[in-house]
């Protein structure tokens, strides 16, 4: 999550989006407060200072995430969930096709030859 001082947030929003001060304040008020977002975030980048400070923060976070193996656990969990869904869809499709398969009755020529459902 990237945060900055409130007055800077207002100024940037007005400049970048071309909003009036009133509209920019309404837009900010419609969102979750920055303090709440920061409290919930795993990483917070302070973007009120110099660009070099922000870049350094991002580099530190990137280095920490790059050295972590957590992303592999997430990928494995997602892959397992996906495989489970595919297996369920496959089983459901096989069950539907097996349930509607037609078989001919009798075997020795004396049968009626009528098809019956399973």
PDB file of N, CA and C in Angstrom:
ATOM      1  N   UNK A   1       0.839  -1.152   0.000  1.00  0.00           N
ATOM      2  CA  UNK A   1       0.000   0.000   0.000  1.00  0.00           C
ATOM      3  C   UNK A   1       0.895   1.230   0.000  1.00  0.00           C
ATOM      4  N   UNK A   2       0.524   2.211  -0.813  1.00  0.00           N
ATOM      5  CA  UNK A   2       1.287   3.449  -0.891  1.00  0.00           C
ATOM      6  C   UNK A   2       0.478   4.550  -0.214  1.00  0.00           C
ATOM      7  N   UNK A   3       1.129   5.283   0.661  1.00  0.00           N
ATOM      8  CA  UNK A   3       0.453   6.345   1.397  1.00  0.00           C
ATOM      9  C   UNK A   3       1.272   7.627   1.328  1.00  0.00           C
ATOM     10  N   UNK A   4       0.609   8.730   1.638  1.00  0.00           N
ATOM     11  CA  UNK A   4       1.287  10.025   1.711  1.00  0.00           C
ATOM     12  C   UNK A   4       0.491  10.920   2.650  1.00  0.00           C
ATOM     13  N   UNK A   5       1.030  12.079   2.926  1.00  0.00           N
ATOM     14  CA  UNK A   5       0.339  13.021   3.801  1.00  0.00           C
ATOM     15  C   UNK A   5      -0.975  13.450   3.148  1.00  0.00           C
ATOM     16  N   UNK A   6      -1.970  13.743   3.988  1.00  0.00           N
ATOM     17  CA  UNK A   6      -3.317  14.042   3.473  1.00  0.00           C
ATOM     18  C   UNK A   6      -3.339  15.249   2.546  1.00  0.00           C
ATOM     19  N   UNK A   7      -2.634  16.319   2.889  1.00  0.00           N
ATOM     20  CA  UNK A   7      -2.654  17.505   2.033  1.00  0.00           C
ATOM     21  C   UNK A   7      -1.987  17.225   0.691  1.00  0.00           C
ATOM     22  N   UNK A   8      -0.970  16.387   0.695  1.00  0.00           N
ATOM     23  CA  UNK A   8      -0.301  16.010  -0.547  1.00  0.00           C
ATOM     24  C   UNK A   8      -1.209  15.116  -1.392  1.00  0.00           C
ATOM     25  N   UNK A   9      -1.940  14.223  -0.747  1.00  0.00           N
ATOM     26  CA  UNK A   9      -2.892  13.369  -1.444  1.00  0.00           C
ATOM     27  C   UNK A   9      -3.945  14.228  -2.150  1.00  0.00           C
ATOM     28  N   UNK A  10      -4.456  15.212  -1.448  1.00  0.00           N
ATOM     29  CA  UNK A  10      -5.455  16.122  -2.011  1.00  0.00           C
ATOM     30  C   UNK A  10      -4.877  16.895  -3.196  1.00  0.00           C
ATOM     31  N   UNK A  11      -3.691  17.448  -3.023  1.00  0.00           N
ATOM     32  CA  UNK A  11      -3.042  18.221  -4.085  1.00  0.00           C
ATOM     33  C   UNK A  11      -2.804  17.367  -5.322  1.00  0.00           C
ATOM     34  N   UNK A  12      -2.282  16.163  -5.129  1.00  0.00           N
ATOM     35  CA  UNK A  12      -1.994  15.279  -6.263  1.00  0.00           C
ATOM     36  C   UNK A  12      -3.277  14.883  -6.991  1.00  0.00           C
ATOM     37  N   UNK A  13      -4.313  14.594  -6.240  1.00  0.00           N
ATOM     38  CA  UNK A  13      -5.586  14.198  -6.838  1.00  0.00           C
ATOM     39  C   UNK A  13      -6.159  15.335  -7.682  1.00  0.00           C
ATOM     40  N   UNK A  14      -6.075  16.552  -7.181  1.00  0.00           N
ATOM     41  CA  UNK A  14      -6.577  17.702  -7.923  1.00  0.00           C
ATOM     42  C   UNK A  14      -5.761  17.923  -9.195  1.00  0.00           C
ATOM     43  N   UNK A  15      -4.445  17.794  -9.103  1.00  0.00           N
ATOM     44  CA  UNK A  15      -3.582  18.023 -10.266  1.00  0.00           C
ATOM     45  C   UNK A  15      -3.701  16.921 -11.304  1.00  0.00           C
ATOM     46  N   UNK A  16      -3.657  15.677 -10.871  1.00  0.00           N
ATOM     47  CA  UNK A  16      -3.640  14.548 -11.796  1.00  0.00           C
ATOM     48  C   UNK A  16      -5.004  14.344 -12.460  1.00  0.00           C
ATOM     49  N   UNK A  17      -6.077  14.421 -11.666  1.00  0.00           N
ATOM     50  CA  UNK A  17      -7.422  14.177 -12.189  1.00  0.00           C
ATOM     51  C   UNK A  17      -8.133  15.451 -12.640  1.00  0.00           C
ATOM     52  N   UNK A  18      -7.558  16.593 -12.325  1.00  0.00           N
ATOM     53  CA  UNK A  18      -8.205  17.847 -12.709  1.00  0.00           C
ATOM     54  C   UNK A  18      -9.489  18.113 -11.934  1.00  0.00           C
ATOM     55  N   UNK A  19      -9.534  17.672 -10.691  1.00  0.00           N
ATOM     56  CA  UNK A  19     -10.736  17.836  -9.870  1.00  0.00           C
ATOM     57  C   UNK A  19     -10.682  19.134  -9.084  1.00  0.00           C
ATOM     58  N   UNK A  20     -11.854  19.607  -8.720  1.00  0.00           N
ATOM     59  CA  UNK A  20     -11.924  20.740  -7.801  1.00  0.00           C
ATOM     60  C   UNK A  20     -11.563  20.226  -6.414  1.00  0.00           C
ATOM     61  N   UNK A  21     -11.253  21.129  -5.511  1.00  0.00           N
ATOM     62  CA  UNK A  21     -10.927  20.722  -4.143  1.00  0.00           C
ATOM     63  C   UNK A  21     -12.099  19.984  -3.513  1.00  0.00           C
ATOM     64  N   UNK A  22     -13.302  20.484  -3.746  1.00  0.00           N
ATOM     65  CA  UNK A  22     -14.506  19.859  -3.188  1.00  0.00           C
ATOM     66  C   UNK A  22     -14.658  18.423  -3.693  1.00  0.00           C
ATOM     67  N   UNK A  23     -14.542  18.216  -5.014  1.00  0.00           N
ATOM     68  CA  UNK A  23     -14.691  16.879  -5.587  1.00  0.00           C
ATOM     69  C   UNK A  23     -13.585  15.938  -5.120  1.00  0.00           C
ATOM     70  N   UNK A  24     -12.368  16.459  -5.011  1.00  0.00           N
ATOM     71  CA  UNK A  24     -11.258  15.629  -4.542  1.00  0.00           C
ATOM     72  C   UNK A  24     -11.485  15.196  -3.096  1.00  0.00           C
ATOM     73  N   UNK A  25     -11.972  16.112  -2.261  1.00  0.00           N
ATOM     74  CA  UNK A  25     -12.260  15.762  -0.864  1.00  0.00           C
ATOM     75  C   UNK A  25     -13.382  14.736  -0.775  1.00  0.00           C
ATOM     76  N   UNK A  26     -14.395  14.866  -1.629  1.00  0.00           N
ATOM     77  CA  UNK A  26     -15.486  13.883  -1.652  1.00  0.00           C
ATOM     78  C   UNK A  26     -14.976  12.509  -2.070  1.00  0.00           C
ATOM     79  N   UNK A  27     -14.075  12.485  -3.036  1.00  0.00           N
ATOM     80  CA  UNK A  27     -13.508  11.212  -3.497  1.00  0.00           C
ATOM     81  C   UNK A  27     -12.702  10.550  -2.385  1.00  0.00           C
ATOM     82  N   UNK A  28     -11.912  11.341  -1.685  1.00  0.00           N
ATOM     83  CA  UNK A  28     -11.108  10.807  -0.581  1.00  0.00           C
ATOM     84  C   UNK A  28     -12.016  10.330   0.547  1.00  0.00           C
ATOM     85  N   UNK A  29     -13.053  11.088   0.841  1.00  0.00           N
ATOM     86  CA  UNK A  29     -13.974  10.727   1.927  1.00  0.00           C
ATOM     87  C   UNK A  29     -14.740   9.441   1.628  1.00  0.00           C
ATOM     88  N   UNK A  30     -14.930   9.128   0.348  1.00  0.00           N
ATOM     89  CA  UNK A  30     -15.664   7.918  -0.034  1.00  0.00           C
ATOM     90  C   UNK A  30     -14.829   6.656   0.146  1.00  0.00           C
ATOM     91  N   UNK A  31     -13.525   6.818   0.373  1.00  0.00           N
ATOM     92  CA  UNK A  31     -12.631   5.669   0.507  1.00  0.00           C
ATOM     93  C   UNK A  31     -12.348   5.360   1.972  1.00  0.00           C
ATOM     94  N   UNK A  32     -11.818   4.162   2.200  1.00  0.00           N
ATOM     95  CA  UNK A  32     -11.361   3.791   3.528  1.00  0.00           C
ATOM     96  C   UNK A  32     -10.221   4.733   3.915  1.00  0.00           C
ATOM     97  N   UNK A  33     -10.183   5.212   5.146  1.00  0.00           N
ATOM     98  CA  UNK A  33      -9.097   6.101   5.567  1.00  0.00           C
ATOM     99  C   UNK A  33      -7.726   5.441   5.382  1.00  0.00           C
ATOM    100  N   UNK A  34      -6.743   6.259   5.027  1.00  0.00           N
ATOM    101  CA  UNK A  34      -5.391   5.746   4.799  1.00  0.00           C
ATOM    102  C   UNK A  34      -4.837   5.016   6.014  1.00  0.00           C
ATOM    103  N   UNK A  35      -5.162   5.505   7.213  1.00  0.00           N
ATOM    104  CA  UNK A  35      -4.668   4.852   8.432  1.00  0.00           C
ATOM    105  C   UNK A  35      -5.191   3.416   8.526  1.00  0.00           C
ATOM    106  N   UNK A  36      -6.462   3.221   8.173  1.00  0.00           N
ATOM    107  CA  UNK A  36      -7.038   1.866   8.204  1.00  0.00           C
ATOM    108  C   UNK A  36      -6.399   0.974   7.147  1.00  0.00           C
ATOM    109  N   UNK A  37      -6.207   1.528   5.961  1.00  0.00           N
ATOM    110  CA  UNK A  37      -5.553   0.752   4.896  1.00  0.00           C
ATOM    111  C   UNK A  37      -4.139   0.343   5.311  1.00  0.00           C
ATOM    112  N   UNK A  38      -3.403   1.295   5.888  1.00  0.00           N
ATOM    113  CA  UNK A  38      -2.023   1.019   6.302  1.00  0.00           C
ATOM    114  C   UNK A  38      -1.983  -0.039   7.400  1.00  0.00           C
ATOM    115  N   UNK A  39      -2.940  -0.004   8.305  1.00  0.00           N
ATOM    116  CA  UNK A  39      -2.987  -0.970   9.394  1.00  0.00           C
ATOM    117  C   UNK A  39      -3.230  -2.388   8.861  1.00  0.00           C
ATOM    118  N   UNK A  40      -3.959  -2.504   7.772  1.00  0.00           N
ATOM    119  CA  UNK A  40      -4.285  -3.815   7.203  1.00  0.00           C
ATOM    120  C   UNK A  40      -3.243  -4.318   6.210  1.00  0.00           C
ATOM    121  N   UNK A  41      -2.408  -3.422   5.723  1.00  0.00           N
ATOM    122  CA  UNK A  41      -1.452  -3.782   4.684  1.00  0.00           C
ATOM    123  C   UNK A  41      -0.260  -4.544   5.246  1.00  0.00           C
ATOM    124  N   UNK A  42       0.283  -5.417   4.445  1.00  0.00           N
ATOM    125  CA  UNK A  42       1.494  -6.135   4.835  1.00  0.00           C
ATOM    126  C   UNK A  42       2.715  -5.240   4.639  1.00  0.00           C
ATOM    127  N   UNK A  43       2.680  -4.404   3.603  1.00  0.00           N
ATOM    128  CA  UNK A  43       3.773  -3.474   3.323  1.00  0.00           C
ATOM    129  C   UNK A  43       3.184  -2.095   3.067  1.00  0.00           C
ATOM    130  N   UNK A  44       3.848  -1.071   3.591  1.00  0.00           N
ATOM    131  CA  UNK A  44       3.418   0.309   3.391  1.00  0.00           C
ATOM    132  C   UNK A  44       4.607   1.106   2.863  1.00  0.00           C
ATOM    133  N   UNK A  45       4.382   1.793   1.748  1.00  0.00           N
ATOM    134  CA  UNK A  45       5.399   2.667   1.169  1.00  0.00           C
ATOM    135  C   UNK A  45       4.949   4.101   1.409  1.00  0.00           C
ATOM    136  N   UNK A  46       5.760   4.859   2.112  1.00  0.00           N
ATOM    137  CA  UNK A  46       5.478   6.281   2.366  1.00  0.00           C
ATOM    138  C   UNK A  46       5.950   7.065   1.154  1.00  0.00           C
ATOM    139  N   UNK A  47       5.029   7.808   0.541  1.00  0.00           N
ATOM    140  CA  UNK A  47       5.322   8.492  -0.708  1.00  0.00           C
ATOM    141  C   UNK A  47       5.211  10.013  -0.568  1.00  0.00           C
ATOM    142  N   UNK A  48       5.506  10.536   0.611  1.00  0.00           N
ATOM    143  CA  UNK A  48       5.432  11.987   0.814  1.00  0.00           C
ATOM    144  C   UNK A  48       6.777  12.668   0.591  1.00  0.00           C
ATOM    145  N   UNK A  49       7.842  11.919   0.643  1.00  0.00           N
ATOM    146  CA  UNK A  49       9.188  12.515   0.568  1.00  0.00           C
ATOM    147  C   UNK A  49       9.757  12.489  -0.826  1.00  0.00           C
ATOM    148  N   UNK A  50      11.065  12.373  -0.873  1.00  0.00           N
ATOM    149  CA  UNK A  50      11.789  12.379  -2.139  1.00  0.00           C
ATOM    150  C   UNK A  50      11.563  11.067  -2.898  1.00  0.00           C
ATOM    151  N   UNK A  51      11.629  11.152  -4.205  1.00  0.00           N
ATOM    152  CA  UNK A  51      11.469   9.974  -5.051  1.00  0.00           C
ATOM    153  C   UNK A  51      12.491   8.898  -4.694  1.00  0.00           C
ATOM    154  N   UNK A  52      13.709   9.302  -4.362  1.00  0.00           N
ATOM    155  CA  UNK A  52      14.750   8.328  -4.018  1.00  0.00           C
ATOM    156  C   UNK A  52      14.379   7.536  -2.756  1.00  0.00           C
ATOM    157  N   UNK A  53      13.704   8.178  -1.801  1.00  0.00           N
ATOM    158  CA  UNK A  53      13.255   7.470  -0.595  1.00  0.00           C
ATOM    159  C   UNK A  53      12.187   6.428  -0.937  1.00  0.00           C
ATOM    160  N   UNK A  54      11.266   6.801  -1.804  1.00  0.00           N
ATOM    161  CA  UNK A  54      10.218   5.864  -2.231  1.00  0.00           C
ATOM    162  C   UNK A  54      10.825   4.692  -2.989  1.00  0.00           C
ATOM    163  N   UNK A  55      11.761   4.986  -3.877  1.00  0.00           N
ATOM    164  CA  UNK A  55      12.425   3.920  -4.630  1.00  0.00           C
ATOM    165  C   UNK A  55      13.161   2.963  -3.704  1.00  0.00           C
ATOM    166  N   UNK A  56      13.811   3.491  -2.687  1.00  0.00           N
ATOM    167  CA  UNK A  56      14.530   2.647  -1.724  1.00  0.00           C
ATOM    168  C   UNK A  56      13.551   1.736  -0.968  1.00  0.00           C
ATOM    169  N   UNK A  57      12.422   2.271  -0.565  1.00  0.00           N
ATOM    170  CA  UNK A  57      11.406   1.459   0.125  1.00  0.00           C
ATOM    171  C   UNK A  57      10.927   0.321  -0.765  1.00  0.00           C
ATOM    172  N   UNK A  58      10.674   0.638  -2.015  1.00  0.00           N
ATOM    173  CA  UNK A  58      10.211  -0.385  -2.956  1.00  0.00           C
ATOM    174  C   UNK A  58      11.286  -1.439  -3.168  1.00  0.00           C
ATOM    175  N   UNK A  59      12.545  -1.031  -3.280  1.00  0.00           N
ATOM    176  CA  UNK A  59      13.650  -1.992  -3.435  1.00  0.00           C
ATOM    177  C   UNK A  59      13.736  -2.936  -2.232  1.00  0.00           C
ATOM    178  N   UNK A  60      13.573  -2.391  -1.031  1.00  0.00           N
ATOM    179  CA  UNK A  60      13.627  -3.221   0.181  1.00  0.00           C
ATOM    180  C   UNK A  60      12.495  -4.244   0.196  1.00  0.00           C
ATOM    181  N   UNK A  61      11.308  -3.800  -0.141  1.00  0.00           N
ATOM    182  CA  UNK A  61      10.166  -4.722  -0.173  1.00  0.00           C
ATOM    183  C   UNK A  61      10.381  -5.784  -1.247  1.00  0.00           C
ATOM    184  N   UNK A  62      10.856  -5.372  -2.408  1.00  0.00           N
ATOM    185  CA  UNK A  62      11.112  -6.324  -3.487  1.00  0.00           C
ATOM    186  C   UNK A  62      12.144  -7.364  -3.066  1.00  0.00           C
ATOM    187  N   UNK A  63      13.198  -6.931  -2.407  1.00  0.00           N
ATOM    188  CA  UNK A  63      14.236  -7.860  -1.952  1.00  0.00           C
ATOM    189  C   UNK A  63      13.670  -8.863  -0.948  1.00  0.00           C
ATOM    190  N   UNK A  64      12.847  -8.375  -0.037  1.00  0.00           N
ATOM    191  CA  UNK A  64      12.244  -9.274   0.955  1.00  0.00           C
ATOM    192  C   UNK A  64      11.314 -10.284   0.293  1.00  0.00           C
ATOM    193  N   UNK A  65      10.489  -9.821  -0.636  1.00  0.00           N
ATOM    194  CA  UNK A  65       9.567 -10.727  -1.314  1.00  0.00           C
ATOM    195  C   UNK A  65      10.316 -11.718  -2.214  1.00  0.00           C
ATOM    196  N   UNK A  66      11.384 -11.268  -2.834  1.00  0.00           N
ATOM    197  CA  UNK A  66      12.160 -12.148  -3.715  1.00  0.00           C
ATOM    198  C   UNK A  66      12.839 -13.268  -2.940  1.00  0.00           C
ATOM    199  N   UNK A  67      13.226 -12.997  -1.700  1.00  0.00           N
ATOM    200  CA  UNK A  67      13.899 -14.017  -0.905  1.00  0.00           C
ATOM    201  C   UNK A  67      12.914 -14.953  -0.204  1.00  0.00           C
ATOM    202  N   UNK A  68      11.669 -14.611  -0.200  1.00  0.00           N
ATOM    203  CA  UNK A  68      10.638 -15.415   0.464  1.00  0.00           C
ATOM    204  C   UNK A  68      10.217 -16.584  -0.418  1.00  0.00           C
ATOM    205  N   UNK A  69       9.879 -17.685   0.200  1.00  0.00           N
ATOM    206  CA  UNK A  69       9.361 -18.839  -0.525  1.00  0.00           C
ATOM    207  C   UNK A  69       7.843 -18.930  -0.392  1.00  0.00           C
ATOM    208  N   UNK A  70       7.232 -17.938   0.235  1.00  0.00           N
ATOM    209  CA  UNK A  70       5.786 -17.953   0.455  1.00  0.00           C
ATOM    210  C   UNK A  70       5.012 -18.037  -0.857  1.00  0.00           C
ATOM    211  N   UNK A  71       5.500 -17.338  -1.891  1.00  0.00           N
ATOM    212  CA  UNK A  71       4.773 -17.331  -3.158  1.00  0.00           C
ATOM    213  C   UNK A  71       4.653 -18.728  -3.754  1.00  0.00           C
ATOM    214  N   UNK A  72       5.625 -19.596  -3.468  1.00  0.00           N
ATOM    215  CA  UNK A  72       5.531 -20.973  -3.974  1.00  0.00           C
ATOM    216  C   UNK A  72       4.421 -21.735  -3.274  1.00  0.00           C
ATOM    217  N   UNK A  73       4.239 -21.490  -1.977  1.00  0.00           N
ATOM    218  CA  UNK A  73       3.133 -22.136  -1.260  1.00  0.00           C
ATOM    219  C   UNK A  73       1.787 -21.669  -1.799  1.00  0.00           C
ATOM    220  N   UNK A  74       1.698 -20.388  -2.107  1.00  0.00           N
ATOM    221  CA  UNK A  74       0.457 -19.854  -2.668  1.00  0.00           C
ATOM    222  C   UNK A  74       0.197 -20.479  -4.033  1.00  0.00           C
ATOM    223  N   UNK A  75       1.232 -20.548  -4.865  1.00  0.00           N
ATOM    224  CA  UNK A  75       1.068 -21.152  -6.190  1.00  0.00           C
ATOM    225  C   UNK A  75       0.644 -22.614  -6.085  1.00  0.00           C
ATOM    226  N   UNK A  76       1.247 -23.351  -5.159  1.00  0.00           N
ATOM    227  CA  UNK A  76       0.899 -24.766  -4.976  1.00  0.00           C
ATOM    228  C   UNK A  76      -0.554 -24.905  -4.527  1.00  0.00           C
ATOM    229  N   UNK A  77      -0.994 -24.071  -3.606  1.00  0.00           N
ATOM    230  CA  UNK A  77      -2.379 -24.129  -3.132  1.00  0.00           C
ATOM    231  C   UNK A  77      -3.356 -23.813  -4.259  1.00  0.00           C
ATOM    232  N   UNK A  78      -3.043 -22.815  -5.063  1.00  0.00           N
ATOM    233  CA  UNK A  78      -3.913 -22.461  -6.188  1.00  0.00           C
ATOM    234  C   UNK A  78      -3.952 -23.596  -7.203  1.00  0.00           C
ATOM    235  N   UNK A  79      -2.807 -24.185  -7.495  1.00  0.00           N
ATOM    236  CA  UNK A  79      -2.755 -25.301  -8.442  1.00  0.00           C
ATOM    237  C   UNK A  79      -3.554 -26.497  -7.929  1.00  0.00           C
ATOM    238  N   UNK A  80      -3.446 -26.796  -6.634  1.00  0.00           N
ATOM    239  CA  UNK A  80      -4.195 -27.911  -6.058  1.00  0.00           C
ATOM    240  C   UNK A  80      -5.700 -27.651  -6.127  1.00  0.00           C
ATOM    241  N   UNK A  81      -6.100 -26.430  -5.825  1.00  0.00           N
ATOM    242  CA  UNK A  81      -7.524 -26.080  -5.900  1.00  0.00           C
ATOM    243  C   UNK A  81      -8.025 -26.191  -7.335  1.00  0.00           C
ATOM    244  N   UNK A  82      -7.241 -25.712  -8.282  1.00  0.00           N
ATOM    245  CA  UNK A  82      -7.617 -25.790  -9.687  1.00  0.00           C
ATOM    246  C   UNK A  82      -7.741 -27.245 -10.128  1.00  0.00           C
ATOM    247  N   UNK A  83      -6.783 -28.080  -9.731  1.00  0.00           N
ATOM    248  CA  UNK A  83      -6.826 -29.501 -10.089  1.00  0.00           C
ATOM    249  C   UNK A  83      -8.064 -30.175  -9.494  1.00  0.00           C
ATOM    250  N   UNK A  84      -8.416 -29.784  -8.285  1.00  0.00           N
ATOM    251  CA  UNK A  84      -9.615 -30.343  -7.660  1.00  0.00           C
ATOM    252  C   UNK A  84     -10.876 -29.968  -8.414  1.00  0.00           C
ATOM    253  N   UNK A  85     -10.967 -28.744  -8.848  1.00  0.00           N
ATOM    254  CA  UNK A  85     -12.136 -28.299  -9.621  1.00  0.00           C
ATOM    255  C   UNK A  85     -12.202 -29.035 -10.946  1.00  0.00           C
ATOM    256  N   UNK A  86     -11.067 -29.177 -11.614  1.00  0.00           N
ATOM    257  CA  UNK A  86     -11.034 -29.894 -12.891  1.00  0.00           C
ATOM    258  C   UNK A  86     -11.453 -31.348 -12.678  1.00  0.00           C
ATOM    259  N   UNK A  87     -10.973 -31.975 -11.617  1.00  0.00           N
ATOM    260  CA  UNK A  87     -11.341 -33.368 -11.331  1.00  0.00           C
ATOM    261  C   UNK A  87     -12.837 -33.500 -11.076  1.00  0.00           C
ATOM    262  N   UNK A  88     -13.410 -32.550 -10.336  1.00  0.00           N
ATOM    263  CA  UNK A  88     -14.853 -32.586 -10.082  1.00  0.00           C
ATOM    264  C   UNK A  88     -15.649 -32.398 -11.369  1.00  0.00           C
ATOM    265  N   UNK A  89     -15.220 -31.482 -12.216  1.00  0.00           N
ATOM    266  CA  UNK A  89     -15.905 -31.271 -13.490  1.00  0.00           C
ATOM    267  C   UNK A  89     -15.800 -32.502 -14.373  1.00  0.00           C
ATOM    268  N   UNK A  90     -14.626 -33.119 -14.386  1.00  0.00           N
ATOM    269  CA  UNK A  90     -14.431 -34.338 -15.178  1.00  0.00           C
ATOM    270  C   UNK A  90     -15.340 -35.464 -14.670  1.00  0.00           C
ATOM    271  N   UNK A  91     -15.365 -35.636 -13.345  1.00  0.00           N
ATOM    272  CA  UNK A  91     -16.205 -36.685 -12.766  1.00  0.00           C
ATOM    273  C   UNK A  91     -17.684 -36.408 -13.039  1.00  0.00           C
ATOM    274  N   UNK A  92     -18.085 -35.166 -12.952  1.00  0.00           N
ATOM    275  CA  UNK A  92     -19.484 -34.824 -13.222  1.00  0.00           C
ATOM    276  C   UNK A  92     -19.822 -35.078 -14.691  1.00  0.00           C
ATOM    277  N   UNK A  93     -18.908 -34.737 -15.585  1.00  0.00           N
ATOM    278  CA  UNK A  93     -19.148 -34.963 -17.006  1.00  0.00           C
ATOM    279  C   UNK A  93     -19.210 -36.458 -17.320  1.00  0.00           C
ATOM    280  N   UNK A  94     -18.351 -37.240 -16.720  1.00  0.00           N
ATOM    281  CA  UNK A  94     -18.374 -38.692 -16.923  1.00  0.00           C
ATOM    282  C   UNK A  94     -19.644 -39.296 -16.350  1.00  0.00           C
ATOM    283  N   UNK A  95     -20.081 -38.776 -15.199  1.00  0.00           N
ATOM    284  CA  UNK A  95     -21.310 -39.277 -14.589  1.00  0.00           C
ATOM    285  C   UNK A  95     -22.525 -38.976 -15.445  1.00  0.00           C
ATOM    286  N   UNK A  96     -22.556 -37.824 -16.055  1.00  0.00           N
ATOM    287  CA  UNK A  96     -23.673 -37.443 -16.915  1.00  0.00           C
ATOM    288  C   UNK A  96     -23.668 -38.287 -18.177  1.00  0.00           C
ATOM    289  N   UNK A  97     -22.515 -38.483 -18.783  1.00  0.00           N
ATOM    290  CA  UNK A  97     -22.462 -39.260 -20.018  1.00  0.00           C
ATOM    291  C   UNK A  97     -22.760 -40.734 -19.739  1.00  0.00           C
ATOM    292  N   UNK A  98     -22.342 -41.263 -18.596  1.00  0.00           N
ATOM    293  CA  UNK A  98     -22.620 -42.660 -18.260  1.00  0.00           C
ATOM    294  C   UNK A  98     -24.093 -42.845 -17.947  1.00  0.00           C
ATOM    295  N   UNK A  99     -24.713 -41.857 -17.357  1.00  0.00           N
ATOM    296  CA  UNK A  99     -26.125 -41.948 -16.999  1.00  0.00           C
ATOM    297  C   UNK A  99     -27.045 -41.871 -18.197  1.00  0.00           C
ATOM    298  N   UNK A 100     -26.603 -41.337 -19.302  1.00  0.00           N
ATOM    299  CA  UNK A 100     -27.456 -41.210 -20.481  1.00  0.00           C
ATOM    300  C   UNK A 100     -27.073 -42.194 -21.584  1.00  0.00           C
ATOM    301  N   UNK A 101     -26.106 -43.050 -21.315  1.00  0.00           N
ATOM    302  CA  UNK A 101     -25.664 -44.028 -22.307  1.00  0.00           C
ATOM    303  C   UNK A 101     -26.785 -45.042 -22.557  1.00  0.00           C
ATOM    304  N   UNK A 102     -26.975 -45.405 -23.800  1.00  0.00           N
ATOM    305  CA  UNK A 102     -28.017 -46.373 -24.177  1.00  0.00           C
ATOM    306  C   UNK A 102     -27.377 -47.745 -24.369  1.00  0.00           C
ATOM    307  N   UNK A 103     -28.056 -48.750 -23.864  1.00  0.00           N
ATOM    308  CA  UNK A 103     -27.607 -50.122 -24.067  1.00  0.00           C
ATOM    309  C   UNK A 103     -28.721 -50.886 -24.744  1.00  0.00           C
ATOM    310  N   UNK A 104     -28.369 -51.810 -25.597  1.00  0.00           N
ATOM    311  CA  UNK A 104     -29.401 -52.633 -26.215  1.00  0.00           C
ATOM    312  C   UNK A 104     -29.692 -53.798 -25.299  1.00  0.00           C
ATOM    313  N   UNK A 105     -30.945 -54.184 -25.199  1.00  0.00           N
ATOM    314  CA  UNK A 105     -31.361 -55.247 -24.297  1.00  0.00           C
ATOM    315  C   UNK A 105     -31.138 -56.616 -24.905  1.00  0.00           C
ATOM    316  N   UNK A 106     -31.008 -57.620 -24.025  1.00  0.00           N
ATOM    317  CA  UNK A 106     -30.909 -59.032 -24.453  1.00  0.00           C
ATOM    318  C   UNK A 106     -29.628 -59.291 -25.212  1.00  0.00           C
ATOM    319  N   UNK A 107     -29.286 -60.554 -25.337  1.00  0.00           N
ATOM    320  CA  UNK A 107     -28.064 -60.838 -26.022  1.00  0.00           C
ATOM    321  C   UNK A 107     -28.246 -61.914 -27.066  1.00  0.00           C
ATOM    322  N   UNK A 108     -29.294 -62.687 -27.000  1.00  0.00           N
ATOM    323  CA  UNK A 108     -29.351 -63.858 -27.862  1.00  0.00           C
ATOM    324  C   UNK A 108     -30.337 -63.745 -28.982  1.00  0.00           C
ATOM    325  N   UNK A 109     -30.576 -62.676 -29.508  1.00  0.00           N
ATOM    326  CA  UNK A 109     -31.449 -62.549 -30.660  1.00  0.00           C
ATOM    327  C   UNK A 109     -32.893 -62.521 -30.292  1.00  0.00           C
ATOM    328  N   UNK A 110     -33.256 -63.005 -29.091  1.00  0.00           N
ATOM    329  CA  UNK A 110     -34.657 -63.026 -28.705  1.00  0.00           C
ATOM    330  C   UNK A 110     -35.088 -61.752 -28.019  1.00  0.00           C
ATOM    331  N   UNK A 111     -34.172 -60.847 -27.815  1.00  0.00           N
ATOM    332  CA  UNK A 111     -34.506 -59.617 -27.117  1.00  0.00           C
ATOM    333  C   UNK A 111     -35.309 -58.680 -27.992  1.00  0.00           C
ATOM    334  N   UNK A 112     -35.892 -57.750 -27.371  1.00  0.00           N
ATOM    335  CA  UNK A 112     -36.727 -56.818 -28.117  1.00  0.00           C
ATOM    336  C   UNK A 112     -35.887 -55.820 -28.919  1.00  0.00           C
ATOM    337  N   UNK A 113     -34.641 -55.709 -28.571  1.00  0.00           N
ATOM    338  CA  UNK A 113     -33.784 -54.781 -29.282  1.00  0.00           C
ATOM    339  C   UNK A 113     -34.021 -53.335 -28.891  1.00  0.00           C
ATOM    340  N   UNK A 114     -34.931 -53.091 -27.972  1.00  0.00           N
ATOM    341  CA  UNK A 114     -35.218 -51.707 -27.542  1.00  0.00           C
ATOM    342  C   UNK A 114     -34.081 -51.212 -26.659  1.00  0.00           C
ATOM    343  N   UNK A 115     -33.795 -49.967 -26.789  1.00  0.00           N
ATOM    344  CA  UNK A 115     -32.756 -49.362 -25.979  1.00  0.00           C
ATOM    345  C   UNK A 115     -33.323 -49.048 -24.606  1.00  0.00           C
ATOM    346  N   UNK A 116     -32.504 -49.164 -23.600  1.00  0.00           N
ATOM    347  CA  UNK A 116     -32.916 -48.793 -22.250  1.00  0.00           C
ATOM    348  C   UNK A 116     -31.849 -47.917 -21.619  1.00  0.00           C
ATOM    349  N   UNK A 117     -32.286 -47.018 -20.769  1.00  0.00           N
ATOM    350  CA  UNK A 117     -31.341 -46.126 -20.085  1.00  0.00           C
ATOM    351  C   UNK A 117     -30.870 -46.773 -18.805  1.00  0.00           C
ATOM    352  N   UNK A 118     -29.656 -46.436 -18.434  1.00  0.00           N
ATOM    353  CA  UNK A 118     -29.119 -46.890 -17.153  1.00  0.00           C
ATOM    354  C   UNK A 118     -29.635 -46.062 -16.037  1.00  0.00           C
TER     355      UNK A 118
END
